[in-house]
Protein backbone atom coordinates (compact mmCIF):
# COMPACT_ATOMS: atom_id res chain seq x y z
CA MET A 1 19.23 -49.61 77.63
CA THR A 2 15.97 -49.14 79.60
CA THR A 3 14.55 -45.56 80.29
CA THR A 4 12.19 -45.10 83.08
CA LEU A 5 9.69 -42.23 83.11
CA ARG A 6 6.97 -41.29 85.61
CA GLU A 7 3.57 -40.77 83.88
CA VAL A 8 0.90 -38.59 85.34
CA GLU A 9 -2.01 -37.84 83.08
CA ASP A 10 -5.73 -37.24 82.75
CA LYS A 11 -7.76 -38.65 79.92
CA TYR A 12 -10.99 -37.21 78.27
CA ASP A 13 -13.40 -38.67 75.70
CA VAL A 14 -14.41 -36.19 73.16
CA ASP A 15 -16.76 -35.99 70.16
CA GLU A 16 -15.51 -35.37 66.51
CA VAL A 17 -16.91 -31.85 66.75
CA PHE A 18 -15.09 -30.95 69.90
CA VAL A 19 -13.01 -27.81 69.88
CA LEU A 20 -10.18 -27.39 72.20
CA PRO A 21 -10.97 -24.35 74.65
CA ASP A 22 -8.65 -21.53 75.43
CA LEU A 23 -6.37 -22.78 78.27
CA VAL A 24 -4.16 -19.64 78.61
CA GLY A 25 -4.37 -18.19 82.11
CA THR A 26 -5.22 -21.53 83.80
CA ALA A 27 -2.72 -22.49 86.74
CA GLY A 28 0.12 -20.80 85.21
CA VAL A 29 -0.36 -21.61 81.41
CA ALA A 30 1.01 -18.55 79.64
CA SER A 31 0.85 -20.07 76.09
CA VAL A 32 0.09 -23.03 74.09
CA GLY A 33 2.62 -24.19 71.44
CA GLU A 34 2.09 -24.93 67.79
CA PRO A 35 0.50 -28.20 67.05
CA GLU A 36 2.69 -31.19 65.86
CA GLN A 37 1.22 -34.14 63.87
CA ILE A 38 2.48 -37.65 64.61
CA ASP A 39 1.33 -40.97 63.42
CA LEU A 40 1.69 -43.81 65.73
CA GLU A 41 1.19 -47.66 65.38
CA ALA A 42 1.26 -49.86 68.46
CA MET A 43 1.04 -53.62 68.99
CA TYR A 44 -0.10 -54.53 72.55
CA PHE A 45 0.95 -57.79 74.21
CA ASP A 46 -0.71 -59.77 76.91
CA THR A 47 -1.61 -63.28 78.06
CA ALA A 48 -4.50 -65.01 76.32
CA ASP A 49 -6.63 -64.28 79.52
CA LEU A 50 -5.43 -60.66 79.77
CA ARG A 51 -3.52 -60.82 83.12
CA LEU A 52 -1.60 -57.71 82.34
CA ALA A 53 -4.59 -55.54 81.54
CA GLU A 54 -6.35 -56.88 84.54
CA ALA A 55 -3.47 -55.64 86.77
CA GLY A 56 -3.50 -52.03 85.09
CA ALA A 57 -0.18 -52.75 83.25
CA THR A 58 0.34 -52.26 79.48
CA LEU A 59 3.09 -53.77 77.31
CA ARG A 60 3.43 -52.47 73.70
CA ARG A 61 5.81 -52.20 70.74
CA ARG A 62 5.27 -48.72 69.26
CA VAL A 63 6.60 -47.08 65.94
CA GLY A 64 6.33 -43.42 65.37
CA GLY A 65 7.23 -40.24 67.21
CA LEU A 66 10.27 -39.70 69.35
CA ASP A 67 9.88 -42.61 71.61
CA ASP A 68 9.99 -45.64 69.11
CA GLY A 69 10.33 -48.82 71.04
CA TRP A 70 9.03 -51.19 73.59
CA HIS A 71 7.04 -49.59 76.51
CA LEU A 72 6.04 -51.11 79.62
CA LYS A 73 3.59 -49.17 81.90
CA LEU A 74 3.10 -50.29 85.44
CA ALA A 75 0.53 -48.87 87.93
CA VAL A 76 1.99 -47.00 90.94
CA THR A 77 -1.19 -45.16 92.32
CA PRO A 78 -4.46 -44.35 90.75
CA GLY A 79 -3.59 -41.93 87.89
CA VAL A 80 0.21 -42.44 88.21
CA ARG A 81 2.15 -45.09 86.34
CA THR A 82 5.82 -45.88 85.84
CA GLU A 83 6.77 -46.16 82.12
CA LEU A 84 9.88 -48.07 80.94
CA GLN A 85 11.20 -47.81 77.38
CA ARG A 86 13.64 -50.01 75.54
CA PRO A 87 14.76 -49.63 71.89
CA LEU A 88 12.87 -51.33 69.20
CA GLY A 89 15.27 -54.05 68.33
CA ARG A 90 14.80 -56.55 65.51
CA SER A 91 12.14 -58.75 67.04
CA VAL A 92 8.59 -57.62 66.18
CA ARG A 93 6.67 -60.35 68.23
CA THR A 94 8.97 -61.49 70.99
CA VAL A 95 8.85 -59.44 74.15
CA PRO A 96 12.40 -58.63 75.44
CA ALA A 97 13.37 -60.85 78.30
CA PRO A 98 13.80 -58.05 80.94
CA TYR A 99 10.12 -57.11 80.38
CA ARG A 100 9.01 -60.70 80.64
CA GLN A 101 10.81 -60.84 84.03
CA LEU A 102 9.33 -57.73 85.27
CA VAL A 103 5.64 -58.87 84.59
CA ARG A 104 6.19 -62.34 85.92
CA ALA A 105 4.07 -61.76 89.11
CA PHE A 106 1.15 -61.02 86.60
CA THR A 107 1.69 -63.56 83.83
CA ARG A 108 3.26 -66.20 85.98
CA GLY A 109 4.86 -67.71 83.00
CA ALA A 110 1.99 -67.68 80.64
CA ALA A 111 2.95 -66.78 77.04
CA LEU A 112 2.68 -63.12 76.01
CA GLU A 113 1.03 -62.64 72.55
CA PRO A 114 -0.41 -59.79 70.61
CA VAL A 115 -3.95 -58.89 71.68
CA ALA A 116 -4.50 -55.43 70.00
CA ARG A 117 -3.22 -53.15 67.42
CA LEU A 118 -3.78 -49.31 67.61
CA ARG A 119 -3.19 -46.73 64.91
CA THR A 120 -3.27 -43.20 66.29
CA ALA A 121 -3.23 -39.85 64.52
CA ARG A 122 -1.98 -37.61 67.19
CA THR A 123 -1.92 -33.79 67.50
CA VAL A 124 0.40 -32.68 70.28
CA ARG A 125 0.39 -29.23 71.80
CA PRO A 126 2.86 -28.06 74.64
CA LEU A 127 1.55 -25.99 77.38
CA TYR A 128 4.13 -23.27 78.47
CA ASP A 129 4.52 -21.20 81.61
CA GLY A 130 5.82 -17.63 81.43
CA ASP A 131 9.39 -18.81 81.30
CA GLY A 132 9.00 -20.98 78.46
CA VAL A 133 9.04 -24.32 80.57
CA VAL A 134 6.72 -27.02 79.30
CA LEU A 135 4.21 -27.74 81.89
CA ALA A 136 2.34 -30.36 80.12
CA GLU A 137 1.64 -31.83 76.77
CA LEU A 138 -1.91 -31.95 75.32
CA SER A 139 -2.53 -34.80 72.85
CA ASP A 140 -5.68 -34.84 70.65
CA ASP A 141 -5.93 -38.43 69.50
CA ARG A 142 -8.04 -40.11 66.72
CA VAL A 143 -7.76 -43.85 67.35
CA ASN A 144 -8.43 -46.75 65.09
CA ALA A 145 -8.20 -50.02 67.06
CA GLU A 146 -8.25 -53.76 66.39
CA GLU A 147 -8.73 -56.26 69.12
CA MET A 148 -6.81 -59.54 68.00
CA GLY A 149 -7.90 -62.91 68.92
CA ALA A 150 -10.23 -65.65 67.60
CA THR A 151 -12.26 -62.90 65.98
CA ALA A 152 -11.00 -59.41 65.10
CA THR A 153 -13.08 -56.45 66.43
CA LEU A 154 -12.67 -52.86 65.08
CA ALA A 155 -13.29 -49.58 66.93
CA SER A 156 -12.48 -45.74 66.54
CA TRP A 157 -12.76 -42.93 68.72
CA ARG A 158 -11.33 -39.53 69.73
CA GLU A 159 -9.70 -38.73 72.99
CA VAL A 160 -7.76 -35.82 74.67
CA GLU A 161 -4.89 -36.62 76.98
CA ILE A 162 -3.04 -34.12 79.17
CA GLU A 163 0.30 -35.53 80.49
CA LEU A 164 2.43 -33.57 83.10
CA VAL A 165 6.12 -32.60 82.04
CA ASP A 166 7.35 -30.12 84.50
CA GLY A 167 3.81 -29.12 86.01
CA ASP A 168 2.16 -30.57 89.04
CA GLY A 169 -1.14 -32.10 89.85
CA ALA A 170 -2.81 -28.65 90.52
CA LEU A 171 -2.49 -27.89 86.78
CA LEU A 172 -4.54 -31.13 85.98
CA THR A 173 -7.12 -30.11 88.56
CA ALA A 174 -7.41 -26.53 87.13
CA LEU A 175 -7.66 -27.61 83.46
CA ALA A 176 -10.50 -30.18 84.15
CA PRO A 177 -13.36 -27.56 84.41
CA ARG A 178 -12.41 -25.85 81.26
CA LEU A 179 -12.27 -29.03 79.27
CA ARG A 180 -15.63 -30.37 80.71
CA ARG A 181 -17.37 -27.01 79.81
CA ALA A 182 -16.10 -27.52 76.22
CA GLY A 183 -17.79 -30.96 76.16
CA ALA A 184 -14.96 -33.24 77.31
CA ARG A 185 -15.96 -36.20 79.54
CA ARG A 186 -13.52 -37.85 81.89
CA SER A 187 -12.55 -41.19 80.37
CA ALA A 188 -13.94 -44.33 82.00
CA HIS A 189 -10.91 -46.23 80.68
CA ALA A 190 -7.41 -46.21 82.21
CA SER A 191 -5.80 -46.68 78.87
CA LYS A 192 -6.60 -47.00 75.15
CA LEU A 193 -6.01 -50.70 75.62
CA ALA A 194 -8.47 -51.00 78.42
CA ARG A 195 -11.14 -49.43 76.14
CA VAL A 196 -10.47 -51.98 73.44
CA LEU A 197 -10.54 -54.95 75.74
CA GLY A 198 -13.12 -53.57 78.08
CA GLY A 199 -15.82 -56.33 77.41
CA ARG A 200 -13.23 -59.13 78.19
CA LEU A 201 -11.85 -57.28 81.22
CA ARG A 202 -15.33 -56.86 82.78
CA ALA A 203 -16.01 -60.50 82.41
CA ARG A 204 -12.78 -61.13 84.67
CA GLU A 205 -13.78 -58.75 87.35
CA PRO A 206 -14.02 -60.52 90.72
CA VAL A 207 -17.46 -60.49 92.26
CA PRO A 208 -17.81 -59.41 95.93
CA PRO A 209 -18.97 -62.30 97.98
CA GLY A 210 -22.29 -61.79 99.80
CA PRO A 211 -24.42 -58.78 100.33
CA GLU A 212 -22.87 -55.28 100.63
CA GLY A 213 -22.15 -54.44 104.17
CA SER A 214 -21.55 -58.13 105.26
CA ALA A 215 -18.65 -59.01 107.27
CA GLY A 216 -17.27 -61.21 104.34
CA ALA A 217 -17.64 -58.49 101.69
CA VAL A 218 -15.89 -55.91 104.01
CA ILE A 219 -12.81 -58.06 104.64
CA TRP A 220 -12.73 -59.50 101.13
CA ALA A 221 -12.27 -55.96 99.83
CA ALA A 222 -9.54 -55.40 102.25
CA VAL A 223 -7.80 -58.52 101.40
CA ARG A 224 -8.06 -57.92 97.59
CA ARG A 225 -6.49 -54.40 97.95
CA LYS A 226 -3.59 -56.06 99.62
CA VAL A 227 -3.23 -58.79 97.11
CA ASP A 228 -3.13 -56.12 94.49
CA GLU A 229 -0.58 -54.10 96.42
CA LEU A 230 1.68 -57.14 96.82
CA ARG A 231 1.65 -57.94 93.05
CA GLY A 232 2.02 -54.38 92.17
CA TYR A 233 5.23 -54.01 94.18
CA ASP A 234 6.85 -57.10 92.58
CA PRO A 235 8.12 -55.24 89.54
CA GLN A 236 9.50 -52.42 91.73
CA VAL A 237 11.35 -54.87 93.98
CA ARG A 238 12.86 -56.34 90.79
CA GLN A 239 13.95 -52.87 89.63
CA ASP A 240 15.40 -52.03 93.02
CA THR A 241 13.09 -49.11 93.33
CA PRO A 242 13.67 -47.32 96.65
CA ASP A 243 11.39 -48.45 99.63
CA SER A 244 9.85 -51.19 97.45
CA VAL A 245 11.10 -54.11 99.45
CA HIS A 246 9.66 -52.58 102.53
CA LYS A 247 6.24 -51.92 100.88
CA MET A 248 5.97 -55.51 99.48
CA ARG A 249 6.98 -56.84 102.92
CA VAL A 250 4.27 -54.76 104.62
CA ALA A 251 1.73 -55.95 102.14
CA ALA A 252 2.57 -59.63 102.84
CA ARG A 253 2.39 -59.04 106.66
CA THR A 254 -0.84 -57.18 106.44
CA LEU A 255 -2.53 -59.87 104.51
CA ARG A 256 -1.25 -62.61 106.97
CA SER A 257 -2.53 -60.45 109.81
CA LEU A 258 -6.02 -59.98 108.10
CA LEU A 259 -6.39 -63.72 107.70
CA ALA A 260 -5.50 -64.23 111.30
CA ALA A 261 -7.50 -61.41 112.98
CA TYR A 262 -10.52 -62.64 110.92
CA ARG A 263 -10.01 -66.41 111.04
CA PRO A 264 -13.59 -67.36 111.97
CA LEU A 265 -14.79 -65.87 108.50
CA PHE A 266 -12.70 -68.15 106.54
CA ASP A 267 -12.21 -71.86 106.01
CA ARG A 268 -8.92 -72.40 107.81
CA THR A 269 -7.82 -75.32 105.90
CA VAL A 270 -7.45 -72.87 102.90
CA THR A 271 -6.07 -69.75 104.68
CA GLU A 272 -3.55 -71.24 107.15
CA PRO A 273 -1.35 -72.62 104.37
CA ILE A 274 -1.41 -69.31 102.65
CA ARG A 275 -0.54 -67.54 105.98
CA ASP A 276 2.54 -70.00 106.31
CA GLU A 277 3.62 -68.96 102.74
CA LEU A 278 3.10 -65.19 103.46
CA LYS A 279 5.31 -65.60 106.59
CA TRP A 280 7.95 -67.10 104.41
CA LEU A 281 7.77 -64.25 101.93
CA GLY A 282 7.88 -61.64 104.59
CA ALA A 283 11.00 -63.22 106.23
CA LEU A 284 12.57 -63.46 102.71
CA LEU A 285 12.08 -59.80 101.98
CA GLY A 286 12.91 -58.89 105.71
CA ASP A 287 16.70 -59.55 105.44
CA ALA A 288 17.22 -57.03 102.71
CA ARG A 289 14.94 -54.42 104.31
CA ASP A 290 16.68 -54.84 107.70
CA ALA A 291 20.10 -54.32 106.11
CA GLU A 292 18.88 -50.93 104.69
CA VAL A 293 17.22 -49.78 107.89
CA MET A 294 20.39 -50.86 109.95
CA GLU A 295 22.83 -49.10 107.74
CA GLN A 296 21.02 -45.77 107.89
CA ARG A 297 20.38 -46.15 111.64
CA LEU A 298 24.07 -46.96 112.45
CA LEU A 299 25.55 -44.20 110.35
CA THR A 300 23.16 -41.66 111.98
CA LEU A 301 24.57 -42.78 115.17
CA VAL A 302 28.13 -42.32 114.07
CA ASP A 303 27.34 -38.77 112.53
CA ALA A 304 25.93 -37.92 116.02
CA GLU A 305 29.34 -38.55 117.80
CA PRO A 306 32.16 -36.07 117.99
CA ALA A 307 34.70 -36.64 115.15
CA GLU A 308 37.62 -37.28 117.77
CA LEU A 309 35.46 -40.08 119.21
CA VAL A 310 35.10 -42.04 115.97
CA LEU A 311 38.43 -44.02 115.96
CA GLY A 312 39.19 -46.07 112.82
CA PRO A 313 37.08 -46.81 109.70
CA VAL A 314 33.75 -47.20 111.55
CA GLY A 315 31.52 -45.66 108.90
CA ALA A 316 33.21 -47.61 106.03
CA ARG A 317 32.90 -50.95 107.93
CA ILE A 318 29.23 -50.20 108.61
CA ARG A 319 28.57 -49.40 104.86
CA SER A 320 30.58 -52.39 103.55
CA THR A 321 28.88 -54.86 105.97
CA GLN A 322 25.42 -53.82 105.53
CA ARG A 323 25.41 -53.34 101.77
CA ALA A 324 27.07 -56.77 101.27
CA ARG A 325 24.26 -58.06 103.41
CA TYR A 326 21.73 -56.29 101.35
CA ARG A 327 23.07 -57.48 97.99
CA ASP A 328 23.19 -61.07 99.34
CA ALA A 329 19.60 -60.82 100.58
CA ARG A 330 18.15 -59.18 97.52
CA THR A 331 19.89 -61.76 95.23
CA LEU A 332 18.34 -64.63 97.28
CA ALA A 333 14.91 -62.79 97.20
CA LEU A 334 15.04 -62.31 93.41
CA ASP A 335 15.99 -66.10 92.89
CA GLU A 336 12.86 -67.02 94.99
CA LEU A 337 10.60 -64.46 93.28
CA ASP A 338 11.44 -66.48 90.08
CA GLY A 339 10.81 -69.76 91.82
CA GLU A 340 7.85 -72.09 91.87
CA ARG A 341 7.03 -71.52 95.46
CA TYR A 342 6.49 -67.75 94.98
CA LEU A 343 4.44 -68.28 91.95
CA ALA A 344 2.28 -70.91 93.69
CA LEU A 345 1.45 -68.38 96.43
CA LEU A 346 0.48 -65.78 93.85
CA GLU A 347 -1.95 -68.43 92.51
CA SER A 348 -3.19 -69.08 95.93
CA LEU A 349 -3.87 -65.34 96.48
CA ASP A 350 -5.70 -65.05 93.29
CA ALA A 351 -7.99 -67.92 94.13
CA LEU A 352 -8.54 -66.42 97.61
CA VAL A 353 -9.89 -63.30 95.78
CA VAL A 354 -11.74 -65.01 92.98
CA GLN A 355 -13.24 -67.73 95.24
CA PRO A 356 -13.00 -66.69 98.94
CA PRO A 357 -13.47 -69.64 101.24
CA LEU A 358 -15.93 -67.99 103.43
CA MET A 359 -17.71 -69.58 106.33
CA PRO A 360 -21.49 -68.87 107.23
CA LYS A 361 -20.44 -66.23 109.85
CA ALA A 362 -19.15 -63.92 106.87
CA GLY A 363 -22.75 -63.45 105.68
CA LYS A 364 -23.65 -61.52 108.93
CA PRO A 365 -23.66 -57.85 109.03
CA ALA A 366 -20.22 -56.36 109.39
CA ASP A 367 -21.16 -54.22 112.40
CA ASP A 368 -22.21 -57.28 114.27
CA VAL A 369 -19.14 -59.32 113.57
CA LEU A 370 -16.07 -57.26 112.84
CA PRO A 371 -15.68 -55.11 115.92
CA GLY A 372 -15.52 -58.28 118.00
CA ARG A 373 -12.64 -59.57 115.97
CA VAL A 374 -10.73 -56.33 116.53
CA ARG A 375 -11.47 -56.82 120.20
CA ALA A 376 -9.88 -60.24 120.12
CA SER A 377 -6.77 -58.82 118.62
CA TRP A 378 -6.72 -56.12 121.27
CA ARG A 379 -7.01 -58.68 124.09
CA ARG A 380 -4.10 -60.48 122.49
CA LEU A 381 -2.02 -57.41 122.64
CA SER A 382 -2.95 -56.74 126.28
CA ARG A 383 -1.88 -60.21 127.19
CA ALA A 384 1.59 -59.63 125.44
CA VAL A 385 2.02 -56.41 127.25
CA ASP A 386 1.20 -57.80 130.58
CA LEU A 387 3.82 -60.58 130.04
CA ALA A 388 6.41 -57.85 129.11
CA HIS A 389 5.57 -56.24 132.50
CA GLU A 390 6.33 -59.29 134.56
CA PRO A 391 8.63 -58.47 137.31
CA GLY A 392 12.10 -60.08 137.28
CA LEU A 393 12.46 -60.49 133.49
CA SER A 394 16.04 -60.44 132.23
CA GLU A 395 16.80 -57.68 129.61
CA VAL A 396 16.93 -60.29 126.92
CA ASP A 397 13.66 -61.88 127.90
CA GLN A 398 11.89 -58.56 128.21
CA ALA A 399 13.23 -57.59 124.75
CA LYS A 400 11.62 -60.76 123.43
CA ALA A 401 8.30 -59.95 125.13
CA LEU A 402 8.19 -56.55 123.76
CA HIS A 403 8.86 -57.86 120.28
CA GLU A 404 5.91 -60.17 120.71
CA ALA A 405 3.84 -57.20 121.92
CA ARG A 406 4.94 -55.23 118.83
CA LYS A 407 3.63 -58.18 116.41
CA ALA A 408 0.39 -58.14 118.35
CA ALA A 409 -0.07 -54.50 117.93
CA LYS A 410 0.63 -54.75 114.13
CA ARG A 411 -2.23 -57.41 113.95
CA ALA A 412 -4.59 -55.10 115.97
CA ARG A 413 -3.66 -52.14 113.69
CA TYR A 414 -4.23 -54.04 110.46
CA ALA A 415 -7.63 -55.53 111.66
CA ALA A 416 -8.84 -51.93 112.52
CA GLU A 417 -7.52 -50.47 109.20
CA ALA A 418 -9.86 -52.86 107.34
CA LEU A 419 -12.87 -51.25 108.83
CA SER A 420 -14.53 -47.82 108.23
CA GLY A 421 -15.46 -45.27 110.77
CA SER A 422 -13.72 -42.65 112.96
CA SER A 423 -13.56 -45.05 115.99
CA ALA A 424 -11.69 -47.72 113.95
CA ARG A 425 -9.43 -45.15 112.50
CA SER A 426 -8.56 -43.60 115.89
CA PHE A 427 -7.86 -47.09 117.31
CA ALA A 428 -5.78 -47.99 114.35
CA LYS A 429 -3.69 -44.83 114.85
CA ALA A 430 -3.19 -45.75 118.50
CA MET A 431 -2.03 -49.28 117.51
CA LYS A 432 0.28 -47.68 114.87
CA ARG A 433 1.97 -45.53 117.68
CA ILE A 434 2.46 -48.46 119.86
CA GLN A 435 3.91 -50.44 116.99
CA THR A 436 6.41 -47.58 116.21
CA ARG A 437 7.58 -47.26 119.68
CA LEU A 438 8.21 -51.01 120.16
CA GLY A 439 9.70 -51.03 116.60
CA ASP A 440 12.21 -48.40 117.69
CA HIS A 441 12.96 -50.65 120.63
CA GLN A 442 13.54 -53.70 118.57
CA ASP A 443 15.66 -51.84 116.16
CA SER A 444 17.82 -50.92 119.23
CA VAL A 445 18.15 -54.54 120.06
CA VAL A 446 19.06 -55.72 116.68
CA SER A 447 21.50 -52.69 116.24
CA ARG A 448 23.34 -53.68 119.33
CA ASP A 449 23.83 -57.20 118.18
CA LEU A 450 25.29 -55.87 114.82
CA LEU A 451 27.67 -53.47 116.60
CA ARG A 452 29.00 -56.21 118.85
CA SER A 453 29.73 -58.43 115.74
CA MET A 454 31.35 -55.68 113.87
CA ALA A 455 33.30 -54.75 116.84
CA VAL A 456 34.77 -58.41 116.95
CA ALA A 457 35.51 -58.22 113.20
CA ALA A 458 37.21 -54.81 113.51
CA SER A 459 39.28 -56.18 116.33
CA GLY A 460 40.39 -59.16 114.28
CA ALA A 461 41.29 -56.73 111.57
CA GLY A 462 43.58 -54.70 114.06
CA GLU A 463 41.16 -51.73 114.24
CA ASN A 464 40.21 -49.89 117.38
CA GLY A 465 36.95 -51.15 118.90
CA PHE A 466 36.22 -48.02 121.22
CA THR A 467 33.66 -46.51 119.01
CA TYR A 468 31.62 -49.57 118.74
CA GLY A 469 31.35 -49.74 122.49
CA LEU A 470 30.38 -46.13 122.53
CA LEU A 471 27.70 -46.63 119.84
CA TYR A 472 26.39 -49.69 121.81
CA CYS A 473 25.91 -47.61 124.96
CA ALA A 474 23.98 -44.86 122.87
CA GLU A 475 21.71 -47.62 121.55
CA ARG A 476 20.82 -48.75 125.04
CA GLN A 477 19.94 -45.20 125.84
CA GLN A 478 17.81 -45.24 122.67
CA ALA A 479 16.09 -48.51 123.84
CA ALA A 480 15.19 -46.74 127.19
CA VAL A 481 13.72 -43.82 125.42
CA ALA A 482 11.67 -46.12 123.11
CA ARG A 483 10.41 -47.95 126.13
CA ARG A 484 9.29 -44.94 127.99
CA ARG A 485 7.60 -43.63 124.91
CA PHE A 486 5.83 -46.98 124.52
CA GLU A 487 4.52 -46.91 128.04
CA ARG A 488 2.89 -43.41 127.48
CA ALA A 489 1.34 -44.68 124.22
CA TRP A 490 0.03 -47.68 125.96
CA VAL A 491 -1.73 -45.50 128.59
CA LYS A 492 -3.32 -43.34 125.92
CA ALA A 493 -4.48 -46.48 123.98
CA ASN A 494 -6.32 -47.75 127.02
CA ARG A 495 -8.45 -44.81 127.36
CA PRO A 496 -12.15 -45.87 127.68
CA ASP A 497 -13.31 -43.63 124.85
CA ARG A 498 -10.83 -45.15 122.31
CA LEU A 499 -12.03 -48.72 123.34
CA ARG A 500 -15.76 -48.25 123.82
CA TRP A 501 -16.65 -49.15 120.19
CA LEU A 502 -15.05 -52.68 120.58
CA GLY A 503 -17.95 -53.50 122.80
């Protein structure tokens, strides 16, 4: 059995003479419980080149306390990690297969081996509110650590950790000044393991290419963020975490758009094959995501109709059809995430970050180069919109043209989001509005196709098809509304003050 917890905590380094200050009265803390002494021993596992630690993940087998077992911690956002727990089992040095699978995007098949052993003498104090609810737990840890490898390195230190239980982030914010006044220092390490392995991790830190403020350095930073995001969503997709498929798909598409919008900065013989593989990954994840979106959209349409107009098991058919589609798409996606093609893509993305294939133009100042690339994406969008406005287009052809305009708006948005400054942010927001309006239109097109196919299936099963036709008409109205909203957003996006920064 696996238990999943959400970990939100702050860590502080303290000296041996540190005395815990009085925290009562801070952000609802009414009392501090009696201290409890716990002895912990943990063995940490990673690849020989520390791929998990580099990704902000930790994998350990810990004995002691109430949560004996295997613990896998995965970064979600800065300061927030998901912790998964499994029972100890009999094996001491063999990582459970489900955990090996969850970290595959980081290890890419490399063996997991012990890299550190930590022994911690922990003193835990619960922080209560006035009703006796535990807001957080404060742990005072004295740590003895051994880095394992060709040569063993020993270290020891003391740290204080505050982990939320039923409290919120405001509690951590309020406690920080009191702890600092008592001599605590915000820890420079995300985890105990990162502290032990710090020297080896710093040696693996990618070096920004070119001078600060150069075009290449700015776009490299944006690309690196998205590569980290894509890898980080992999375990969430494997666990079927809500919205994880969508987020991983967006990361893949954003990367692909960045490499397209800023083509002149890169060696295309390297980046174009990567773009092709990112397109494949986005499409692979897209089927599962589309099934989720369409189920919710169609059920919302059904709920909006008077009950007397819903004839037959319409909702049940929508659910069964879309959930079967989701299961099939997710199964295929998971199979591919375990395949060689996906692992090769991750290797290519790592190389893209570590050794970016930059062209000479990337060394020029960002302000001289990057707005022009956003302008090129804007012009591409303008041409796509012009095509969608051509007179005489059939409904089908116009839908295709608007879909192409939507893709162009996404590229322009992602290109602008990679830059800093209020003008870039304003432009990116305008592009997002256009993308959203055209996305609503495209969802209506896809929804109508599904309704038609379900109506045919319902008829074949002897069910009444009336409601599917009713919903089809409702979706045509939704498409018209989305089109009008897009036209208004397009007029606003064309304002001179919004485009002036593009030159």
